[in-house]
């Protein structure tokens, strides 16, 4: 199961968590995905695309 938006293709990004002592550890930022039904098919859509779709309706 891919963590990717089926509309825009947005996927995970990588970066660092930085503590107060400035220690860095790698971190994965995942997109905010929602599973919705679109034209009778279940698709995974990020929040940005979901908002855009709701605005256009």
C-alpha atoms as a PDB file:
ATOM      1  CA  UNK A   1       0.000   0.000   0.000  1.00  0.00           C
ATOM      2  CA  UNK A   2       1.742   3.122  -1.245  1.00  0.00           C
ATOM      3  CA  UNK A   3       1.620   6.267   0.866  1.00  0.00           C
ATOM      4  CA  UNK A   4       1.007   8.439  -2.175  1.00  0.00           C
ATOM      5  CA  UNK A   5      -1.841  10.663  -3.311  1.00  0.00           C
ATOM      6  CA  UNK A   6      -3.578   9.223  -6.380  1.00  0.00           C
ATOM      7  CA  UNK A   7      -4.442  12.724  -7.664  1.00  0.00           C
ATOM      8  CA  UNK A   8      -1.276  14.825  -7.342  1.00  0.00           C
ATOM      9  CA  UNK A   9       1.311  12.118  -6.578  1.00  0.00           C
ATOM     10  CA  UNK A  10       2.400  13.663  -3.278  1.00  0.00           C
ATOM     11  CA  UNK A  11       4.431  11.131  -1.274  1.00  0.00           C
ATOM     12  CA  UNK A  12       6.623  10.991   1.819  1.00  0.00           C
ATOM     13  CA  UNK A  13       9.401  13.528   2.312  1.00  0.00           C
ATOM     14  CA  UNK A  14      12.503  13.143   4.453  1.00  0.00           C
ATOM     15  CA  UNK A  15      14.066  15.568   6.882  1.00  0.00           C
ATOM     16  CA  UNK A  16      15.494  15.906  10.366  1.00  0.00           C
ATOM     17  CA  UNK A  17      13.994  16.133  13.822  1.00  0.00           C
ATOM     18  CA  UNK A  18      16.110  18.670  15.713  1.00  0.00           C
ATOM     19  CA  UNK A  19      16.245  18.557  19.514  1.00  0.00           C
ATOM     20  CA  UNK A  20      16.930  21.468  21.831  1.00  0.00           C
ATOM     21  CA  UNK A  21      20.573  20.305  22.010  1.00  0.00           C
ATOM     22  CA  UNK A  22      20.594  20.435  18.178  1.00  0.00           C
ATOM     23  CA  UNK A  23      20.902  16.663  17.779  1.00  0.00           C
ATOM     24  CA  UNK A  24      19.535  15.610  14.403  1.00  0.00           C
ATOM     25  CA  UNK A  25      17.775  12.332  13.654  1.00  0.00           C
ATOM     26  CA  UNK A  26      16.227  11.367  10.325  1.00  0.00           C
ATOM     27  CA  UNK A  27      12.457  11.595  10.078  1.00  0.00           C
ATOM     28  CA  UNK A  28       9.859  10.754   7.421  1.00  0.00           C
ATOM     29  CA  UNK A  29       7.056  13.266   6.842  1.00  0.00           C
ATOM     30  CA  UNK A  30       3.981  11.448   5.517  1.00  0.00           C
ATOM     31  CA  UNK A  31       1.204  13.121   3.520  1.00  0.00           C
ATOM     32  CA  UNK A  32      -2.215  13.446   5.184  1.00  0.00           C
ATOM     33  CA  UNK A  33      -4.075  10.820   3.126  1.00  0.00           C
ATOM     34  CA  UNK A  34      -7.797  10.051   3.164  1.00  0.00           C
ATOM     35  CA  UNK A  35      -9.469   7.081   1.500  1.00  0.00           C
ATOM     36  CA  UNK A  36     -12.543   8.279  -0.420  1.00  0.00           C
ATOM     37  CA  UNK A  37     -14.840   6.900  -3.102  1.00  0.00           C
ATOM     38  CA  UNK A  38     -14.471   8.717  -6.415  1.00  0.00           C
ATOM     39  CA  UNK A  39     -16.585   7.558  -9.393  1.00  0.00           C
ATOM     40  CA  UNK A  40     -17.291   4.250  -7.638  1.00  0.00           C
ATOM     41  CA  UNK A  41     -13.600   3.480  -7.003  1.00  0.00           C
ATOM     42  CA  UNK A  42     -11.755   3.843  -3.703  1.00  0.00           C
ATOM     43  CA  UNK A  43      -8.790   6.212  -4.022  1.00  0.00           C
ATOM     44  CA  UNK A  44      -6.296   7.748  -1.613  1.00  0.00           C
ATOM     45  CA  UNK A  45      -6.340  11.547  -1.702  1.00  0.00           C
ATOM     46  CA  UNK A  46      -4.270  14.055   0.273  1.00  0.00           C
ATOM     47  CA  UNK A  47      -6.002  16.801   2.260  1.00  0.00           C
ATOM     48  CA  UNK A  48      -4.917  19.501  -0.192  1.00  0.00           C
ATOM     49  CA  UNK A  49      -6.549  17.709  -3.142  1.00  0.00           C
ATOM     50  CA  UNK A  50      -9.642  16.939  -1.056  1.00  0.00           C
ATOM     51  CA  UNK A  51     -10.050  20.647  -0.214  1.00  0.00           C
ATOM     52  CA  UNK A  52      -9.546  21.606  -3.857  1.00  0.00           C
ATOM     53  CA  UNK A  53     -12.181  19.077  -4.973  1.00  0.00           C
ATOM     54  CA  UNK A  54     -14.682  20.313  -2.362  1.00  0.00           C
ATOM     55  CA  UNK A  55     -14.116  23.939  -3.415  1.00  0.00           C
ATOM     56  CA  UNK A  56     -14.757  23.154  -7.088  1.00  0.00           C
ATOM     57  CA  UNK A  57     -18.106  21.438  -6.376  1.00  0.00           C
END
